[in-house]
Amino acid sequence: MFSSFFNHRPDNAVDGDVLVLTKPLGTQVAVNLHQWMTDPEKWSNFSSILTESEAEKSYQRAMASMARLNLIGMFNHIRLAVTRSYLKSKCFRSITQRRVVWN
């Protein structure tokens, strides 16, 4: 069902295609900067642009954002699994097969 959706590659994009962002832009950059703070050679490329405090703040925001997205995804997954389980249950089938007569 979704196979054609997931087979799209950026080089096949056409004007009007929808871009679905799964996390805020810049999240990976914030994670990389945080990692590079421990590597003086890499950090020297960025230390004139932002402070360690700013990099740490960006990292914390990125982590909070990703944790929130994962939590929302987890709840949606559980809700979907419970709904599917209920729809397959004997209880649901027996309820939906009864005739309701209104007086």
PDB file of N, CA and C in Angstrom:
ATOM      1  N   MET A   1       0.816  -1.194   0.000  1.00  0.00           N
ATOM      2  CA  MET A   1       0.000   0.000   0.000  1.00  0.00           C
ATOM      3  C   MET A   1       0.860   1.259   0.000  1.00  0.00           C
ATOM      4  N   PHE A   2       1.834   1.294   0.917  1.00  0.00           N
ATOM      5  CA  PHE A   2       2.684   2.471   1.013  1.00  0.00           C
ATOM      6  C   PHE A   2       4.005   2.302   0.276  1.00  0.00           C
ATOM      7  N   SER A   3       4.197   1.187  -0.393  1.00  0.00           N
ATOM      8  CA  SER A   3       5.493   0.915  -1.011  1.00  0.00           C
ATOM      9  C   SER A   3       5.885   1.995  -2.014  1.00  0.00           C
ATOM     10  N   SER A   4       4.939   2.469  -2.788  1.00  0.00           N
ATOM     11  CA  SER A   4       5.292   3.501  -3.765  1.00  0.00           C
ATOM     12  C   SER A   4       5.632   4.814  -3.065  1.00  0.00           C
ATOM     13  N   PHE A   5       4.991   5.050  -1.928  1.00  0.00           N
ATOM     14  CA  PHE A   5       5.272   6.269  -1.163  1.00  0.00           C
ATOM     15  C   PHE A   5       6.708   6.261  -0.647  1.00  0.00           C
ATOM     16  N   PHE A   6       7.144   5.130  -0.090  1.00  0.00           N
ATOM     17  CA  PHE A   6       8.470   5.057   0.502  1.00  0.00           C
ATOM     18  C   PHE A   6       9.583   4.863  -0.507  1.00  0.00           C
ATOM     19  N   ASN A   7       9.250   4.561  -1.756  1.00  0.00           N
ATOM     20  CA  ASN A   7      10.276   4.394  -2.774  1.00  0.00           C
ATOM     21  C   ASN A   7      10.664   5.708  -3.434  1.00  0.00           C
ATOM     22  N   HIS A   8       9.996   6.786  -3.070  1.00  0.00           N
ATOM     23  CA  HIS A   8      10.342   8.086  -3.643  1.00  0.00           C
ATOM     24  C   HIS A   8      11.704   8.516  -3.104  1.00  0.00           C
ATOM     25  N   ARG A   9      12.511   9.042  -3.957  1.00  0.00           N
ATOM     26  CA  ARG A   9      13.828   9.522  -3.589  1.00  0.00           C
ATOM     27  C   ARG A   9      13.889  11.001  -3.908  1.00  0.00           C
ATOM     28  N   PRO A  10      14.751  11.744  -3.237  1.00  0.00           N
ATOM     29  CA  PRO A  10      14.835  13.181  -3.511  1.00  0.00           C
ATOM     30  C   PRO A  10      15.115  13.515  -4.966  1.00  0.00           C
ATOM     31  N   ASP A  11      15.834  12.637  -5.672  1.00  0.00           N
ATOM     32  CA  ASP A  11      16.136  12.929  -7.075  1.00  0.00           C
ATOM     33  C   ASP A  11      14.925  12.709  -7.984  1.00  0.00           C
ATOM     34  N   ASN A  12      13.849  12.134  -7.448  1.00  0.00           N
ATOM     35  CA  ASN A  12      12.625  11.949  -8.219  1.00  0.00           C
ATOM     36  C   ASN A  12      11.569  12.988  -7.880  1.00  0.00           C
ATOM     37  N   ALA A  13      11.900  13.938  -7.031  1.00  0.00           N
ATOM     38  CA  ALA A  13      10.920  14.938  -6.600  1.00  0.00           C
ATOM     39  C   ALA A  13      10.508  15.823  -7.763  1.00  0.00           C
ATOM     40  N   VAL A  14       9.234  16.179  -7.755  1.00  0.00           N
ATOM     41  CA  VAL A  14       8.711  17.098  -8.762  1.00  0.00           C
ATOM     42  C   VAL A  14       7.987  18.223  -8.055  1.00  0.00           C
ATOM     43  N   ASP A  15       7.843  19.318  -8.751  1.00  0.00           N
ATOM     44  CA  ASP A  15       7.163  20.480  -8.205  1.00  0.00           C
ATOM     45  C   ASP A  15       5.758  20.088  -7.749  1.00  0.00           C
ATOM     46  N   GLY A  16       5.413  20.434  -6.514  1.00  0.00           N
ATOM     47  CA  GLY A  16       4.104  20.101  -5.962  1.00  0.00           C
ATOM     48  C   GLY A  16       4.132  18.914  -5.021  1.00  0.00           C
ATOM     49  N   ASP A  17       5.244  18.155  -4.970  1.00  0.00           N
ATOM     50  CA  ASP A  17       5.346  17.043  -4.027  1.00  0.00           C
ATOM     51  C   ASP A  17       5.316  17.577  -2.600  1.00  0.00           C
ATOM     52  N   VAL A  18       4.807  16.770  -1.691  1.00  0.00           N
ATOM     53  CA  VAL A  18       4.734  17.142  -0.284  1.00  0.00           C
ATOM     54  C   VAL A  18       5.990  16.643   0.423  1.00  0.00           C
ATOM     55  N   LEU A  19       6.580  17.502   1.218  1.00  0.00           N
ATOM     56  CA  LEU A  19       7.742  17.138   2.020  1.00  0.00           C
ATOM     57  C   LEU A  19       7.284  16.952   3.455  1.00  0.00           C
ATOM     58  N   VAL A  20       7.473  15.756   4.005  1.00  0.00           N
ATOM     59  CA  VAL A  20       7.069  15.461   5.370  1.00  0.00           C
ATOM     60  C   VAL A  20       8.302  15.510   6.255  1.00  0.00           C
ATOM     61  N   LEU A  21       8.320  16.464   7.169  1.00  0.00           N
ATOM     62  CA  LEU A  21       9.430  16.595   8.107  1.00  0.00           C
ATOM     63  C   LEU A  21       9.108  15.790   9.358  1.00  0.00           C
ATOM     64  N   THR A  22       9.979  14.872   9.720  1.00  0.00           N
ATOM     65  CA  THR A  22       9.740  14.033  10.883  1.00  0.00           C
ATOM     66  C   THR A  22      10.329  14.613  12.155  1.00  0.00           C
ATOM     67  N   LYS A  23      11.124  15.634  12.017  1.00  0.00           N
ATOM     68  CA  LYS A  23      11.664  16.342  13.177  1.00  0.00           C
ATOM     69  C   LYS A  23      12.026  17.754  12.720  1.00  0.00           C
ATOM     70  N   PRO A  24      12.139  18.671  13.661  1.00  0.00           N
ATOM     71  CA  PRO A  24      12.466  20.052  13.271  1.00  0.00           C
ATOM     72  C   PRO A  24      13.813  20.140  12.556  1.00  0.00           C
ATOM     73  N   LEU A  25      13.903  21.049  11.607  1.00  0.00           N
ATOM     74  CA  LEU A  25      15.174  21.275  10.924  1.00  0.00           C
ATOM     75  C   LEU A  25      16.221  21.735  11.932  1.00  0.00           C
ATOM     76  N   GLY A  26      17.432  21.253  11.789  1.00  0.00           N
ATOM     77  CA  GLY A  26      18.521  21.664  12.667  1.00  0.00           C
ATOM     78  C   GLY A  26      18.755  20.731  13.835  1.00  0.00           C
ATOM     79  N   THR A  27      17.899  19.750  14.017  1.00  0.00           N
ATOM     80  CA  THR A  27      18.049  18.832  15.143  1.00  0.00           C
ATOM     81  C   THR A  27      19.373  18.069  15.055  1.00  0.00           C
ATOM     82  N   GLN A  28      19.681  17.540  13.881  1.00  0.00           N
ATOM     83  CA  GLN A  28      20.926  16.773  13.735  1.00  0.00           C
ATOM     84  C   GLN A  28      22.142  17.670  13.886  1.00  0.00           C
ATOM     85  N   VAL A  29      22.036  18.908  13.431  1.00  0.00           N
ATOM     86  CA  VAL A  29      23.150  19.849  13.589  1.00  0.00           C
ATOM     87  C   VAL A  29      23.423  20.078  15.071  1.00  0.00           C
ATOM     88  N   ALA A  30      22.359  20.242  15.859  1.00  0.00           N
ATOM     89  CA  ALA A  30      22.521  20.451  17.306  1.00  0.00           C
ATOM     90  C   ALA A  30      23.185  19.242  17.959  1.00  0.00           C
ATOM     91  N   VAL A  31      22.809  18.050  17.538  1.00  0.00           N
ATOM     92  CA  VAL A  31      23.416  16.829  18.085  1.00  0.00           C
ATOM     93  C   VAL A  31      24.892  16.759  17.694  1.00  0.00           C
ATOM     94  N   ASN A  32      25.199  17.055  16.431  1.00  0.00           N
ATOM     95  CA  ASN A  32      26.598  17.025  15.976  1.00  0.00           C
ATOM     96  C   ASN A  32      27.445  18.033  16.730  1.00  0.00           C
ATOM     97  N   LEU A  33      26.934  19.248  16.882  1.00  0.00           N
ATOM     98  CA  LEU A  33      27.696  20.273  17.611  1.00  0.00           C
ATOM     99  C   LEU A  33      27.997  19.817  19.034  1.00  0.00           C
ATOM    100  N   HIS A  34      27.018  19.203  19.660  1.00  0.00           N
ATOM    101  CA  HIS A  34      27.224  18.718  21.028  1.00  0.00           C
ATOM    102  C   HIS A  34      28.335  17.669  21.076  1.00  0.00           C
ATOM    103  N   GLN A  35      28.360  16.791  20.100  1.00  0.00           N
ATOM    104  CA  GLN A  35      29.412  15.772  20.034  1.00  0.00           C
ATOM    105  C   GLN A  35      30.766  16.408  19.743  1.00  0.00           C
ATOM    106  N   TRP A  36      30.780  17.409  18.877  1.00  0.00           N
ATOM    107  CA  TRP A  36      32.036  18.041  18.482  1.00  0.00           C
ATOM    108  C   TRP A  36      32.632  18.886  19.594  1.00  0.00           C
ATOM    109  N   MET A  37      31.847  19.243  20.593  1.00  0.00           N
ATOM    110  CA  MET A  37      32.386  20.025  21.705  1.00  0.00           C
ATOM    111  C   MET A  37      33.497  19.267  22.432  1.00  0.00           C
ATOM    112  N   THR A  38      33.470  17.943  22.359  1.00  0.00           N
ATOM    113  CA  THR A  38      34.500  17.139  23.019  1.00  0.00           C
ATOM    114  C   THR A  38      35.731  16.929  22.141  1.00  0.00           C
ATOM    115  N   ASP A  39      35.660  17.369  20.897  1.00  0.00           N
ATOM    116  CA  ASP A  39      36.776  17.242  19.966  1.00  0.00           C
ATOM    117  C   ASP A  39      37.296  18.644  19.641  1.00  0.00           C
ATOM    118  N   PRO A  40      38.416  19.061  20.279  1.00  0.00           N
ATOM    119  CA  PRO A  40      38.918  20.426  20.102  1.00  0.00           C
ATOM    120  C   PRO A  40      39.125  20.826  18.647  1.00  0.00           C
ATOM    121  N   GLU A  41      39.550  19.899  17.820  1.00  0.00           N
ATOM    122  CA  GLU A  41      39.792  20.211  16.403  1.00  0.00           C
ATOM    123  C   GLU A  41      38.485  20.582  15.691  1.00  0.00           C
ATOM    124  N   LYS A  42      37.450  19.795  15.908  1.00  0.00           N
ATOM    125  CA  LYS A  42      36.163  20.080  15.270  1.00  0.00           C
ATOM    126  C   LYS A  42      35.491  21.297  15.908  1.00  0.00           C
ATOM    127  N   TRP A  43      35.561  21.388  17.240  1.00  0.00           N
ATOM    128  CA  TRP A  43      34.904  22.497  17.929  1.00  0.00           C
ATOM    129  C   TRP A  43      35.521  23.845  17.541  1.00  0.00           C
ATOM    130  N   SER A  44      36.801  23.860  17.222  1.00  0.00           N
ATOM    131  CA  SER A  44      37.459  25.119  16.856  1.00  0.00           C
ATOM    132  C   SER A  44      36.827  25.752  15.608  1.00  0.00           C
ATOM    133  N   ASN A  45      36.209  24.937  14.756  1.00  0.00           N
ATOM    134  CA  ASN A  45      35.535  25.465  13.564  1.00  0.00           C
ATOM    135  C   ASN A  45      34.267  26.235  13.905  1.00  0.00           C
ATOM    136  N   PHE A  46      33.706  26.009  15.098  1.00  0.00           N
ATOM    137  CA  PHE A  46      32.424  26.606  15.459  1.00  0.00           C
ATOM    138  C   PHE A  46      32.485  27.508  16.680  1.00  0.00           C
ATOM    139  N   SER A  47      33.567  27.441  17.420  1.00  0.00           N
ATOM    140  CA  SER A  47      33.649  28.191  18.678  1.00  0.00           C
ATOM    141  C   SER A  47      33.578  29.699  18.477  1.00  0.00           C
ATOM    142  N   SER A  48      33.882  30.176  17.299  1.00  0.00           N
ATOM    143  CA  SER A  48      33.780  31.619  17.044  1.00  0.00           C
ATOM    144  C   SER A  48      32.350  32.026  16.672  1.00  0.00           C
ATOM    145  N   ILE A  49      31.509  31.051  16.374  1.00  0.00           N
ATOM    146  CA  ILE A  49      30.130  31.318  15.956  1.00  0.00           C
ATOM    147  C   ILE A  49      29.154  31.248  17.128  1.00  0.00           C
ATOM    148  N   LEU A  50      29.375  30.261  18.022  1.00  0.00           N
ATOM    149  CA  LEU A  50      28.498  30.127  19.170  1.00  0.00           C
ATOM    150  C   LEU A  50      29.273  29.599  20.366  1.00  0.00           C
ATOM    151  N   THR A  51      28.712  29.846  21.539  1.00  0.00           N
ATOM    152  CA  THR A  51      29.374  29.427  22.775  1.00  0.00           C
ATOM    153  C   THR A  51      28.994  27.989  23.099  1.00  0.00           C
ATOM    154  N   GLU A  52      29.730  27.396  24.028  1.00  0.00           N
ATOM    155  CA  GLU A  52      29.395  26.044  24.467  1.00  0.00           C
ATOM    156  C   GLU A  52      28.014  26.025  25.117  1.00  0.00           C
ATOM    157  N   SER A  53      27.697  27.104  25.813  1.00  0.00           N
ATOM    158  CA  SER A  53      26.387  27.213  26.455  1.00  0.00           C
ATOM    159  C   SER A  53      25.261  27.209  25.416  1.00  0.00           C
ATOM    160  N   GLU A  54      25.449  27.934  24.336  1.00  0.00           N
ATOM    161  CA  GLU A  54      24.449  27.962  23.262  1.00  0.00           C
ATOM    162  C   GLU A  54      24.320  26.598  22.588  1.00  0.00           C
ATOM    163  N   ALA A  55      25.452  25.940  22.376  1.00  0.00           N
ATOM    164  CA  ALA A  55      25.432  24.606  21.766  1.00  0.00           C
ATOM    165  C   ALA A  55      24.714  23.618  22.678  1.00  0.00           C
ATOM    166  N   GLU A  56      24.976  23.714  23.980  1.00  0.00           N
ATOM    167  CA  GLU A  56      24.324  22.831  24.953  1.00  0.00           C
ATOM    168  C   GLU A  56      22.816  23.087  24.984  1.00  0.00           C
ATOM    169  N   LYS A  57      22.428  24.355  24.946  1.00  0.00           N
ATOM    170  CA  LYS A  57      21.003  24.704  24.952  1.00  0.00           C
ATOM    171  C   LYS A  57      20.315  24.162  23.693  1.00  0.00           C
ATOM    172  N   SER A  58      20.968  24.291  22.559  1.00  0.00           N
ATOM    173  CA  SER A  58      20.417  23.764  21.303  1.00  0.00           C
ATOM    174  C   SER A  58      20.264  22.246  21.379  1.00  0.00           C
ATOM    175  N   TYR A  59      21.254  21.593  21.958  1.00  0.00           N
ATOM    176  CA  TYR A  59      21.218  20.140  22.108  1.00  0.00           C
ATOM    177  C   TYR A  59      20.053  19.723  23.008  1.00  0.00           C
ATOM    178  N   GLN A  60      19.884  20.419  24.131  1.00  0.00           N
ATOM    179  CA  GLN A  60      18.799  20.080  25.058  1.00  0.00           C
ATOM    180  C   GLN A  60      17.432  20.274  24.395  1.00  0.00           C
ATOM    181  N   ARG A  61      17.286  21.324  23.619  1.00  0.00           N
ATOM    182  CA  ARG A  61      16.023  21.550  22.897  1.00  0.00           C
ATOM    183  C   ARG A  61      15.778  20.452  21.867  1.00  0.00           C
ATOM    184  N   ALA A  62      16.824  20.063  21.173  1.00  0.00           N
ATOM    185  CA  ALA A  62      16.692  19.001  20.162  1.00  0.00           C
ATOM    186  C   ALA A  62      16.296  17.684  20.831  1.00  0.00           C
ATOM    187  N   MET A  63      16.926  17.363  21.954  1.00  0.00           N
ATOM    188  CA  MET A  63      16.606  16.123  22.660  1.00  0.00           C
ATOM    189  C   MET A  63      15.162  16.140  23.166  1.00  0.00           C
ATOM    190  N   ALA A  64      14.730  17.275  23.710  1.00  0.00           N
ATOM    191  CA  ALA A  64      13.349  17.392  24.203  1.00  0.00           C
ATOM    192  C   ALA A  64      12.360  17.228  23.053  1.00  0.00           C
ATOM    193  N   SER A  65      12.677  17.812  21.914  1.00  0.00           N
ATOM    194  CA  SER A  65      11.805  17.714  20.746  1.00  0.00           C
ATOM    195  C   SER A  65      11.697  16.273  20.272  1.00  0.00           C
ATOM    196  N   MET A  66      12.831  15.595  20.170  1.00  0.00           N
ATOM    197  CA  MET A  66      12.815  14.205  19.700  1.00  0.00           C
ATOM    198  C   MET A  66      12.116  13.293  20.709  1.00  0.00           C
ATOM    199  N   ALA A  67      12.316  13.552  22.005  1.00  0.00           N
ATOM    200  CA  ALA A  67      11.642  12.747  23.027  1.00  0.00           C
ATOM    201  C   ALA A  67      10.128  12.934  22.936  1.00  0.00           C
ATOM    202  N   ARG A  68       9.686  14.176  22.722  1.00  0.00           N
ATOM    203  CA  ARG A  68       8.252  14.452  22.591  1.00  0.00           C
ATOM    204  C   ARG A  68       7.690  13.738  21.356  1.00  0.00           C
ATOM    205  N   LEU A  69       8.390  13.811  20.240  1.00  0.00           N
ATOM    206  CA  LEU A  69       7.929  13.136  19.030  1.00  0.00           C
ATOM    207  C   LEU A  69       7.863  11.627  19.219  1.00  0.00           C
ATOM    208  N   ASN A  70       8.861  11.061  19.902  1.00  0.00           N
ATOM    209  CA  ASN A  70       8.854   9.621  20.160  1.00  0.00           C
ATOM    210  C   ASN A  70       7.699   9.234  21.077  1.00  0.00           C
ATOM    211  N   LEU A  71       7.413  10.074  22.069  1.00  0.00           N
ATOM    212  CA  LEU A  71       6.322   9.801  22.992  1.00  0.00           C
ATOM    213  C   LEU A  71       4.978   9.833  22.262  1.00  0.00           C
ATOM    214  N   ILE A  72       4.788  10.838  21.414  1.00  0.00           N
ATOM    215  CA  ILE A  72       3.556  10.939  20.637  1.00  0.00           C
ATOM    216  C   ILE A  72       3.421   9.716  19.725  1.00  0.00           C
ATOM    217  N   GLY A  73       4.516   9.339  19.075  1.00  0.00           N
ATOM    218  CA  GLY A  73       4.501   8.156  18.211  1.00  0.00           C
ATOM    219  C   GLY A  73       4.161   6.893  18.976  1.00  0.00           C
ATOM    220  N   MET A  74       4.718   6.763  20.185  1.00  0.00           N
ATOM    221  CA  MET A  74       4.451   5.584  21.001  1.00  0.00           C
ATOM    222  C   MET A  74       2.966   5.509  21.359  1.00  0.00           C
ATOM    223  N   PHE A  75       2.392   6.634  21.798  1.00  0.00           N
ATOM    224  CA  PHE A  75       0.977   6.630  22.154  1.00  0.00           C
ATOM    225  C   PHE A  75       0.094   6.332  20.946  1.00  0.00           C
ATOM    226  N   ASN A  76       0.442   6.879  19.797  1.00  0.00           N
ATOM    227  CA  ASN A  76      -0.336   6.597  18.588  1.00  0.00           C
ATOM    228  C   ASN A  76      -0.239   5.131  18.201  1.00  0.00           C
ATOM    229  N   HIS A  77       0.950   4.554  18.362  1.00  0.00           N
ATOM    230  CA  HIS A  77       1.142   3.142  18.050  1.00  0.00           C
ATOM    231  C   HIS A  77       0.298   2.278  18.986  1.00  0.00           C
ATOM    232  N   ILE A  78       0.326   2.590  20.272  1.00  0.00           N
ATOM    233  CA  ILE A  78      -0.460   1.819  21.248  1.00  0.00           C
ATOM    234  C   ILE A  78      -1.946   1.953  20.944  1.00  0.00           C
ATOM    235  N   ARG A  79      -2.388   3.185  20.667  1.00  0.00           N
ATOM    236  CA  ARG A  79      -3.806   3.411  20.368  1.00  0.00           C
ATOM    237  C   ARG A  79      -4.229   2.604  19.133  1.00  0.00           C
ATOM    238  N   LEU A  80      -3.396   2.593  18.107  1.00  0.00           N
ATOM    239  CA  LEU A  80      -3.702   1.841  16.898  1.00  0.00           C
ATOM    240  C   LEU A  80      -3.734   0.342  17.184  1.00  0.00           C
ATOM    241  N   ALA A  81      -2.775  -0.143  17.968  1.00  0.00           N
ATOM    242  CA  ALA A  81      -2.721  -1.567  18.290  1.00  0.00           C
ATOM    243  C   ALA A  81      -3.947  -1.981  19.099  1.00  0.00           C
ATOM    244  N   VAL A  82      -4.352  -1.151  20.049  1.00  0.00           N
ATOM    245  CA  VAL A  82      -5.528  -1.465  20.862  1.00  0.00           C
ATOM    246  C   VAL A  82      -6.780  -1.446  19.991  1.00  0.00           C
ATOM    247  N   THR A  83      -6.892  -0.459  19.113  1.00  0.00           N
ATOM    248  CA  THR A  83      -8.055  -0.371  18.228  1.00  0.00           C
ATOM    249  C   THR A  83      -8.127  -1.591  17.317  1.00  0.00           C
ATOM    250  N   ARG A  84      -7.007  -1.966  16.727  1.00  0.00           N
ATOM    251  CA  ARG A  84      -6.998  -3.146  15.851  1.00  0.00           C
ATOM    252  C   ARG A  84      -7.366  -4.399  16.623  1.00  0.00           C
ATOM    253  N   SER A  85      -6.825  -4.522  17.834  1.00  0.00           N
ATOM    254  CA  SER A  85      -7.110  -5.684  18.661  1.00  0.00           C
ATOM    255  C   SER A  85      -8.597  -5.752  18.993  1.00  0.00           C
ATOM    256  N   TYR A  86      -9.180  -4.603  19.336  1.00  0.00           N
ATOM    257  CA  TYR A  86     -10.601  -4.557  19.671  1.00  0.00           C
ATOM    258  C   TYR A  86     -11.464  -4.904  18.457  1.00  0.00           C
ATOM    259  N   LEU A  87     -11.098  -4.364  17.301  1.00  0.00           N
ATOM    260  CA  LEU A  87     -11.888  -4.634  16.097  1.00  0.00           C
ATOM    261  C   LEU A  87     -11.849  -6.108  15.708  1.00  0.00           C
ATOM    262  N   LYS A  88     -10.771  -6.790  16.063  1.00  0.00           N
ATOM    263  CA  LYS A  88     -10.651  -8.213  15.749  1.00  0.00           C
ATOM    264  C   LYS A  88     -11.285  -9.096  16.825  1.00  0.00           C
ATOM    265  N   SER A  89     -11.647  -8.503  17.955  1.00  0.00           N
ATOM    266  CA  SER A  89     -12.120  -9.287  19.091  1.00  0.00           C
ATOM    267  C   SER A  89     -13.516  -9.859  18.856  1.00  0.00           C
ATOM    268  N   LYS A  90     -13.814 -10.945  19.571  1.00  0.00           N
ATOM    269  CA  LYS A  90     -15.137 -11.559  19.497  1.00  0.00           C
ATOM    270  C   LYS A  90     -16.189 -10.609  20.053  1.00  0.00           C
ATOM    271  N   CYS A  91     -15.818  -9.874  21.071  1.00  0.00           N
ATOM    272  CA  CYS A  91     -16.752  -8.937  21.695  1.00  0.00           C
ATOM    273  C   CYS A  91     -17.241  -7.918  20.668  1.00  0.00           C
ATOM    274  N   PHE A  92     -16.331  -7.318  19.928  1.00  0.00           N
ATOM    275  CA  PHE A  92     -16.713  -6.317  18.931  1.00  0.00           C
ATOM    276  C   PHE A  92     -17.577  -6.946  17.847  1.00  0.00           C
ATOM    277  N   ARG A  93     -17.180  -8.133  17.385  1.00  0.00           N
ATOM    278  CA  ARG A  93     -17.948  -8.796  16.334  1.00  0.00           C
ATOM    279  C   ARG A  93     -19.356  -9.126  16.810  1.00  0.00           C
ATOM    280  N   SER A  94     -19.477  -9.572  18.061  1.00  0.00           N
ATOM    281  CA  SER A  94     -20.812  -9.926  18.555  1.00  0.00           C
ATOM    282  C   SER A  94     -21.677  -8.681  18.715  1.00  0.00           C
ATOM    283  N   ILE A  95     -21.084  -7.565  19.122  1.00  0.00           N
ATOM    284  CA  ILE A  95     -21.842  -6.319  19.264  1.00  0.00           C
ATOM    285  C   ILE A  95     -22.310  -5.827  17.910  1.00  0.00           C
ATOM    286  N   THR A  96     -21.441  -5.864  16.928  1.00  0.00           N
ATOM    287  CA  THR A  96     -21.794  -5.324  15.607  1.00  0.00           C
ATOM    288  C   THR A  96     -22.734  -6.241  14.839  1.00  0.00           C
ATOM    289  N   GLN A  97     -22.827  -7.509  15.230  1.00  0.00           N
ATOM    290  CA  GLN A  97     -23.716  -8.427  14.518  1.00  0.00           C
ATOM    291  C   GLN A  97     -25.135  -8.401  15.097  1.00  0.00           C
ATOM    292  N   ARG A  98     -25.330  -7.785  16.256  1.00  0.00           N
ATOM    293  CA  ARG A  98     -26.671  -7.695  16.852  1.00  0.00           C
ATOM    294  C   ARG A  98     -27.487  -6.659  16.099  1.00  0.00           C
ATOM    295  N   ARG A  99     -28.751  -6.928  16.059  1.00  0.00           N
ATOM    296  CA  ARG A  99     -29.669  -5.969  15.448  1.00  0.00           C
ATOM    297  C   ARG A  99     -30.221  -5.068  16.542  1.00  0.00           C
ATOM    298  N   VAL A 100     -30.246  -3.809  16.250  1.00  0.00           N
ATOM    299  CA  VAL A 100     -30.794  -2.854  17.199  1.00  0.00           C
ATOM    300  C   VAL A 100     -32.171  -2.459  16.693  1.00  0.00           C
ATOM    301  N   VAL A 101     -33.165  -2.602  17.549  1.00  0.00           N
ATOM    302  CA  VAL A 101     -34.527  -2.244  17.177  1.00  0.00           C
ATOM    303  C   VAL A 101     -34.926  -1.019  17.983  1.00  0.00           C
ATOM    304  N   TRP A 102     -35.311   0.020  17.289  1.00  0.00           N
ATOM    305  CA  TRP A 102     -35.736   1.240  17.954  1.00  0.00           C
ATOM    306  C   TRP A 102     -37.264   1.253  18.019  1.00  0.00           C
ATOM    307  N   ASN A 103     -37.806   1.561  19.166  1.00  0.00           N
ATOM    308  CA  ASN A 103     -39.274   1.634  19.325  1.00  0.00           C
ATOM    309  C   ASN A 103     -39.769   3.024  19.054  1.00  0.00           C
TER     310      ASN A 103
END
